[in-house]
Amino acid sequence: MNKIKISSGERVFGVINVFMMCIFTCIMFYPMWHVVCASFSNPAEYMAHKGILVRPLGFSLDAYKAMSNNPMILKGYMNTLYIVLASLVLNVIMTPIAAYVVSRKNSKWSKRIMVMIVFTMYFSGGMIPIYFNIRDLGLLDTHWAIILPGAIGTFNMIIMKSSFESIPSSLEESAWIDGAGHYTILFRIFLPLTKATLSVILLYYAVAHWNGWFNAMLYLNNREMFPLQLILREILIQNDTTSMMQNIDAGDKALISEIVRYAVIVVATVPILCIYPFIQKYFERGIMIGAVKG
């Protein structure tokens, strides 16, 4: 078996490439590691510490105990789970249907419809008109004000459209000959063949819905309906930790209030980090499907 000869220039490039990637990995990983270590640190030791944090200082669960005193954390979790699950059901139905319509070559006005859809990626009606629209539809102070506007993401729909266009037309023609209709072709032929792409866009949707807070801030006034990220915003930006400081000595409140922010970030981030490994194998393949046609 003949070995491929690698030039010295390629070896140098490989070493530099690996070195730079290691540096970038450390730069991206360390802030997350710092947050985790800080959340498990002793409040007094952490406040006295300066410099890089490589491990928890005096392992302590005080921040998580204080966080459990806030009933809005659990309520925000439940609201976020409801919003994410309801939105994903809507996304997995609406996005493939829209992508299927605009990907059909014989579909009337498909090109003009696609131009109008792409137009919305660059120009929108603005925050105030959209707010008036949500208000006039009677959606204010309901979770539907967050769920319905995100039913279809233009970018995700375009990815799905490219994936559908990469499927050989002979499969669709054979299905038509066998008497299949549009919905049969879409849900029994196209979606099974593009499950990798569907997994990727569902990840995009899930992350966007999980991290979403701006629409909730605009359309929700009832705190009982706030998603987790809006509760997290109150804690981090408005420094609202009073509801977590019950049954805690007055001298420790100031110290723990600094640490509890890190604990909330960890709790809000863990679900997405747990989901990603299960669909990682689809990620690269799903992005590349439909990227090259011919």
Protein backbone atom coordinates (compact mmCIF):
# COMPACT_ATOMS: atom_id res chain seq x y z
CA MET A 1 0.00 0.00 0.00
CA ASN A 2 1.51 3.29 -1.13
CA LYS A 3 1.55 6.04 1.46
CA ILE A 4 0.68 9.56 0.43
CA LYS A 5 3.70 11.80 0.82
CA ILE A 6 3.08 14.95 2.81
CA SER A 7 5.26 17.95 2.08
CA SER A 8 6.97 19.92 4.82
CA GLY A 9 4.72 22.89 4.10
CA GLU A 10 1.61 20.77 4.68
CA ARG A 11 3.08 19.47 7.96
CA VAL A 12 3.76 23.02 9.15
CA PHE A 13 0.25 24.09 8.13
CA GLY A 14 -1.24 21.12 10.01
CA VAL A 15 0.69 21.92 13.19
CA ILE A 16 -0.26 25.62 13.05
CA ASN A 17 -3.88 24.72 12.29
CA VAL A 18 -4.12 22.37 15.29
CA PHE A 19 -2.38 24.91 17.53
CA MET A 20 -4.76 27.72 16.51
CA MET A 21 -7.82 25.48 16.93
CA CYS A 22 -6.67 24.56 20.45
CA ILE A 23 -6.35 28.24 21.30
CA PHE A 24 -9.81 29.03 19.91
CA THR A 25 -11.28 26.08 21.79
CA CYS A 26 -9.81 27.31 25.07
CA ILE A 27 -11.07 30.84 24.40
CA MET A 28 -14.62 29.58 23.81
CA PHE A 29 -14.61 26.94 26.54
CA TYR A 30 -13.14 28.92 29.43
CA PRO A 31 -16.05 31.38 29.99
CA MET A 32 -18.43 28.45 30.37
CA TRP A 33 -16.00 26.65 32.69
CA HIS A 34 -15.60 29.84 34.76
CA VAL A 35 -19.39 30.06 35.21
CA VAL A 36 -19.62 26.42 36.33
CA CYS A 37 -16.73 26.76 38.79
CA ALA A 38 -18.08 30.02 40.18
CA SER A 39 -21.54 28.52 40.72
CA PHE A 40 -20.06 25.75 42.93
CA SER A 41 -17.63 28.03 44.80
CA ASN A 42 -17.83 29.30 48.35
CA PRO A 43 -19.19 32.87 48.07
CA ALA A 44 -16.61 34.42 50.42
CA GLU A 45 -13.65 32.69 48.75
CA TYR A 46 -14.87 33.56 45.28
CA MET A 47 -15.32 37.25 46.09
CA ALA A 48 -11.76 37.34 47.49
CA HIS A 49 -10.32 35.55 44.44
CA LYS A 50 -8.63 37.42 41.59
CA GLY A 51 -7.41 36.07 38.28
CA ILE A 52 -8.25 32.92 36.33
CA LEU A 53 -10.60 30.42 37.96
CA VAL A 54 -9.69 26.80 37.14
CA ARG A 55 -11.65 24.97 39.85
CA PRO A 56 -14.40 25.66 42.41
CA LEU A 57 -13.11 27.51 45.44
CA GLY A 58 -14.27 25.69 48.58
CA PHE A 59 -17.01 23.56 47.02
CA SER A 60 -20.43 24.90 48.05
CA LEU A 61 -24.06 24.52 46.94
CA ASP A 62 -25.20 27.76 48.58
CA ALA A 63 -25.99 29.36 45.23
CA TYR A 64 -28.21 26.49 44.13
CA LYS A 65 -29.94 26.38 47.53
CA ALA A 66 -30.64 30.10 47.26
CA MET A 67 -31.90 29.67 43.70
CA SER A 68 -34.38 27.01 44.85
CA ASN A 69 -36.03 29.64 47.06
CA ASN A 70 -37.24 31.48 43.96
CA PRO A 71 -40.53 29.89 42.82
CA MET A 72 -40.30 31.73 39.50
CA ILE A 73 -37.35 29.59 38.42
CA LEU A 74 -39.47 26.43 38.27
CA LYS A 75 -42.40 28.37 36.84
CA GLY A 76 -40.15 29.86 34.17
CA TYR A 77 -38.83 26.39 33.35
CA MET A 78 -42.35 25.04 32.83
CA ASN A 79 -43.36 28.04 30.71
CA THR A 80 -40.25 27.69 28.56
CA LEU A 81 -40.79 23.95 28.07
CA TYR A 82 -44.37 24.60 26.99
CA ILE A 83 -43.31 27.33 24.56
CA VAL A 84 -40.49 25.23 23.09
CA LEU A 85 -42.55 22.05 22.66
CA ALA A 86 -45.61 23.84 21.22
CA SER A 87 -43.40 25.88 18.89
CA LEU A 88 -41.48 22.83 17.66
CA VAL A 89 -44.71 21.00 16.82
CA LEU A 90 -45.78 24.02 14.77
CA ASN A 91 -42.33 24.35 13.19
CA VAL A 92 -42.09 20.70 12.14
CA ILE A 93 -45.46 20.99 10.38
CA MET A 94 -45.31 24.45 8.83
CA THR A 95 -41.68 24.65 7.70
CA PRO A 96 -41.65 21.45 5.54
CA ILE A 97 -45.02 22.38 3.99
CA ALA A 98 -43.80 25.86 3.05
CA ALA A 99 -40.48 24.47 1.77
CA TYR A 100 -42.29 21.83 -0.29
CA VAL A 101 -44.51 24.41 -1.99
CA VAL A 102 -41.71 26.75 -3.04
CA SER A 103 -39.40 23.88 -4.06
CA ARG A 104 -41.81 22.51 -6.69
CA LYS A 105 -40.83 23.58 -10.21
CA ASN A 106 -44.38 23.27 -11.50
CA SER A 107 -45.91 25.19 -8.58
CA LYS A 108 -47.67 28.36 -9.72
CA TRP A 109 -46.06 31.61 -8.56
CA SER A 110 -43.41 29.67 -6.58
CA LYS A 111 -40.58 31.97 -7.68
CA ARG A 112 -42.51 35.14 -6.90
CA ILE A 113 -43.62 33.74 -3.55
CA MET A 114 -39.99 32.88 -2.78
CA VAL A 115 -38.91 36.45 -3.57
CA MET A 116 -41.51 37.80 -1.15
CA ILE A 117 -40.41 35.34 1.53
CA VAL A 118 -36.72 36.24 1.14
CA PHE A 119 -37.71 39.94 1.25
CA THR A 120 -38.82 39.45 4.86
CA MET A 121 -35.26 38.45 5.81
CA TYR A 122 -34.04 41.97 5.05
CA PHE A 123 -37.07 44.17 5.76
CA SER A 124 -39.75 43.88 8.42
CA GLY A 125 -42.75 45.94 9.41
CA GLY A 126 -41.03 47.11 12.58
CA MET A 127 -41.55 46.45 16.26
CA ILE A 128 -44.49 48.83 16.79
CA PRO A 129 -46.65 47.59 13.86
CA ILE A 130 -45.99 43.99 14.88
CA TYR A 131 -47.00 44.84 18.46
CA PHE A 132 -50.25 46.42 17.23
CA ASN A 133 -50.89 43.33 15.12
CA ILE A 134 -50.42 41.03 18.12
CA ARG A 135 -52.66 43.28 20.22
CA ASP A 136 -55.46 43.43 17.64
CA LEU A 137 -55.39 39.64 17.32
CA GLY A 138 -56.02 39.38 21.08
CA LEU A 139 -52.75 37.55 21.76
CA LEU A 140 -51.27 39.89 24.36
CA ASP A 141 -50.49 38.20 27.69
CA THR A 142 -50.74 34.75 26.11
CA HIS A 143 -48.01 32.32 25.11
CA TRP A 144 -49.44 32.28 21.58
CA ALA A 145 -47.98 35.77 21.10
CA ILE A 146 -44.57 34.08 21.28
CA ILE A 147 -45.41 30.79 19.54
CA LEU A 148 -47.33 31.88 16.43
CA PRO A 149 -44.95 34.56 15.03
CA GLY A 150 -42.13 31.99 15.06
CA ALA A 151 -44.05 29.26 13.22
CA ILE A 152 -41.75 29.50 10.18
CA GLY A 153 -38.18 30.79 10.14
CA THR A 154 -37.19 32.03 6.68
CA PHE A 155 -33.60 30.82 6.89
CA ASN A 156 -34.64 27.37 8.11
CA MET A 157 -37.27 27.13 5.40
CA ILE A 158 -34.65 27.92 2.74
CA ILE A 159 -32.40 25.14 4.11
CA MET A 160 -35.35 22.74 3.92
CA LYS A 161 -36.18 23.92 0.40
CA SER A 162 -32.62 23.23 -0.80
CA SER A 163 -32.78 19.78 0.76
CA PHE A 164 -36.05 18.97 -1.06
CA GLU A 165 -34.63 20.19 -4.35
CA SER A 166 -31.70 17.77 -4.03
CA ILE A 167 -34.06 14.77 -4.07
CA PRO A 168 -34.22 13.15 -7.55
CA SER A 169 -37.38 14.13 -9.40
CA SER A 170 -37.80 10.51 -10.48
CA LEU A 171 -38.90 9.60 -6.93
CA GLU A 172 -41.67 12.17 -7.04
CA GLU A 173 -42.74 11.09 -10.52
CA SER A 174 -42.91 7.44 -9.41
CA ALA A 175 -45.04 8.43 -6.43
CA TRP A 176 -47.44 10.34 -8.69
CA ILE A 177 -47.76 7.31 -10.97
CA ASP A 178 -48.63 5.15 -7.94
CA GLY A 179 -51.40 7.57 -7.00
CA ALA A 180 -49.71 9.45 -4.14
CA GLY A 181 -50.81 12.98 -3.35
CA HIS A 182 -48.82 15.98 -2.17
CA TYR A 183 -49.08 15.16 1.54
CA THR A 184 -48.11 11.53 0.97
CA ILE A 185 -45.07 12.59 -1.06
CA LEU A 186 -44.06 15.15 1.53
CA PHE A 187 -44.49 13.13 4.73
CA ARG A 188 -43.72 9.61 3.46
CA ILE A 189 -40.97 10.27 0.91
CA PHE A 190 -39.38 13.68 1.30
CA LEU A 191 -39.21 13.98 5.11
CA PRO A 192 -37.74 10.49 5.71
CA LEU A 193 -35.05 11.25 3.12
CA THR A 194 -34.22 14.60 4.73
CA LYS A 195 -34.42 13.68 8.42
CA ALA A 196 -30.83 14.91 8.92
CA THR A 197 -31.76 18.37 7.65
CA LEU A 198 -34.96 18.32 9.70
CA SER A 199 -32.95 17.48 12.83
CA VAL A 200 -30.65 20.43 12.23
CA ILE A 201 -33.39 23.00 11.71
CA LEU A 202 -35.23 21.65 14.76
CA LEU A 203 -32.05 22.27 16.75
CA TYR A 204 -31.94 25.82 15.39
CA TYR A 205 -35.59 26.33 16.32
CA ALA A 206 -35.17 24.78 19.77
CA VAL A 207 -32.17 26.97 20.65
CA ALA A 208 -33.94 30.10 19.40
CA HIS A 209 -37.11 29.33 21.37
CA TRP A 210 -35.20 28.34 24.50
CA ASN A 211 -33.09 31.51 24.48
CA GLY A 212 -35.91 33.82 23.41
CA TRP A 213 -36.80 36.59 25.84
CA PHE A 214 -37.39 39.77 23.81
CA ASN A 215 -40.86 38.89 22.48
CA ALA A 216 -41.86 37.73 25.95
CA MET A 217 -40.75 41.06 27.36
CA LEU A 218 -42.90 42.90 24.79
CA TYR A 219 -46.08 40.83 24.89
CA LEU A 220 -46.27 39.43 28.44
CA ASN A 221 -47.15 41.46 31.52
CA ASN A 222 -48.19 38.60 33.80
CA ARG A 223 -45.05 37.33 35.57
CA GLU A 224 -46.66 33.91 35.99
CA MET A 225 -46.28 33.45 32.23
CA PHE A 226 -42.66 34.60 31.97
CA PRO A 227 -40.23 32.13 30.32
CA LEU A 228 -37.02 31.17 32.06
CA GLN A 229 -34.83 33.53 30.05
CA LEU A 230 -36.90 36.54 31.09
CA ILE A 231 -36.54 35.50 34.74
CA LEU A 232 -32.81 35.10 34.13
CA ARG A 233 -32.68 38.60 32.66
CA GLU A 234 -34.23 40.04 35.80
CA ILE A 235 -31.63 38.30 37.94
CA LEU A 236 -28.61 39.21 35.81
CA ILE A 237 -29.43 42.72 34.59
CA GLN A 238 -31.83 44.09 37.18
CA ASN A 239 -29.95 42.34 40.02
CA ASP A 240 -33.25 41.05 41.41
CA THR A 241 -32.24 38.30 43.84
CA THR A 242 -34.40 39.31 46.79
CA SER A 243 -36.79 36.37 46.38
CA MET A 244 -33.84 33.97 46.69
CA MET A 245 -32.41 35.41 49.88
CA GLN A 246 -35.07 34.12 52.25
CA ASN A 247 -33.79 32.16 55.28
CA ILE A 248 -30.25 33.43 54.62
CA ASP A 249 -28.23 35.47 57.11
CA ALA A 250 -28.03 39.17 56.32
CA GLY A 251 -24.23 39.03 56.22
CA ASP A 252 -24.23 36.30 53.56
CA LYS A 253 -26.88 37.80 51.28
CA ALA A 254 -24.52 40.14 49.44
CA LEU A 255 -21.99 37.37 48.83
CA ILE A 256 -24.48 34.73 47.69
CA SER A 257 -26.31 37.19 45.42
CA GLU A 258 -23.13 37.43 43.33
CA ILE A 259 -22.77 33.65 43.03
CA VAL A 260 -26.42 32.84 42.41
CA ARG A 261 -26.27 34.47 38.98
CA TYR A 262 -23.81 31.85 37.81
CA ALA A 263 -25.99 29.06 39.17
CA VAL A 264 -28.99 30.36 37.22
CA ILE A 265 -26.92 30.50 34.01
CA VAL A 266 -25.84 26.87 34.51
CA VAL A 267 -29.42 25.72 35.14
CA ALA A 268 -30.67 27.59 32.06
CA THR A 269 -27.94 26.21 29.78
CA VAL A 270 -27.80 22.53 30.78
CA PRO A 271 -30.91 21.33 28.83
CA ILE A 272 -29.58 22.50 25.45
CA LEU A 273 -26.14 21.04 26.20
CA CYS A 274 -27.77 17.69 27.03
CA ILE A 275 -29.82 17.59 23.82
CA TYR A 276 -27.04 18.48 21.38
CA PRO A 277 -24.94 15.25 21.64
CA PHE A 278 -27.93 13.14 20.55
CA ILE A 279 -28.32 14.99 17.24
CA GLN A 280 -24.68 15.89 16.62
CA LYS A 281 -24.32 13.07 14.07
CA TYR A 282 -27.00 14.71 11.91
CA PHE A 283 -25.62 18.21 12.21
CA GLU A 284 -22.91 18.36 9.54
CA ARG A 285 -24.70 16.01 7.17
CA GLY A 286 -27.95 17.97 7.46
CA ILE A 287 -26.27 21.28 6.71
CA MET A 288 -24.50 19.92 3.61
CA ILE A 289 -27.55 18.22 2.08
CA GLY A 290 -28.73 20.33 -0.79
CA ALA A 291 -25.68 22.59 -0.71
CA VAL A 292 -24.31 21.09 -3.94
CA LYS A 293 -26.66 20.28 -6.76
CA GLY A 294 -25.93 18.61 -10.05
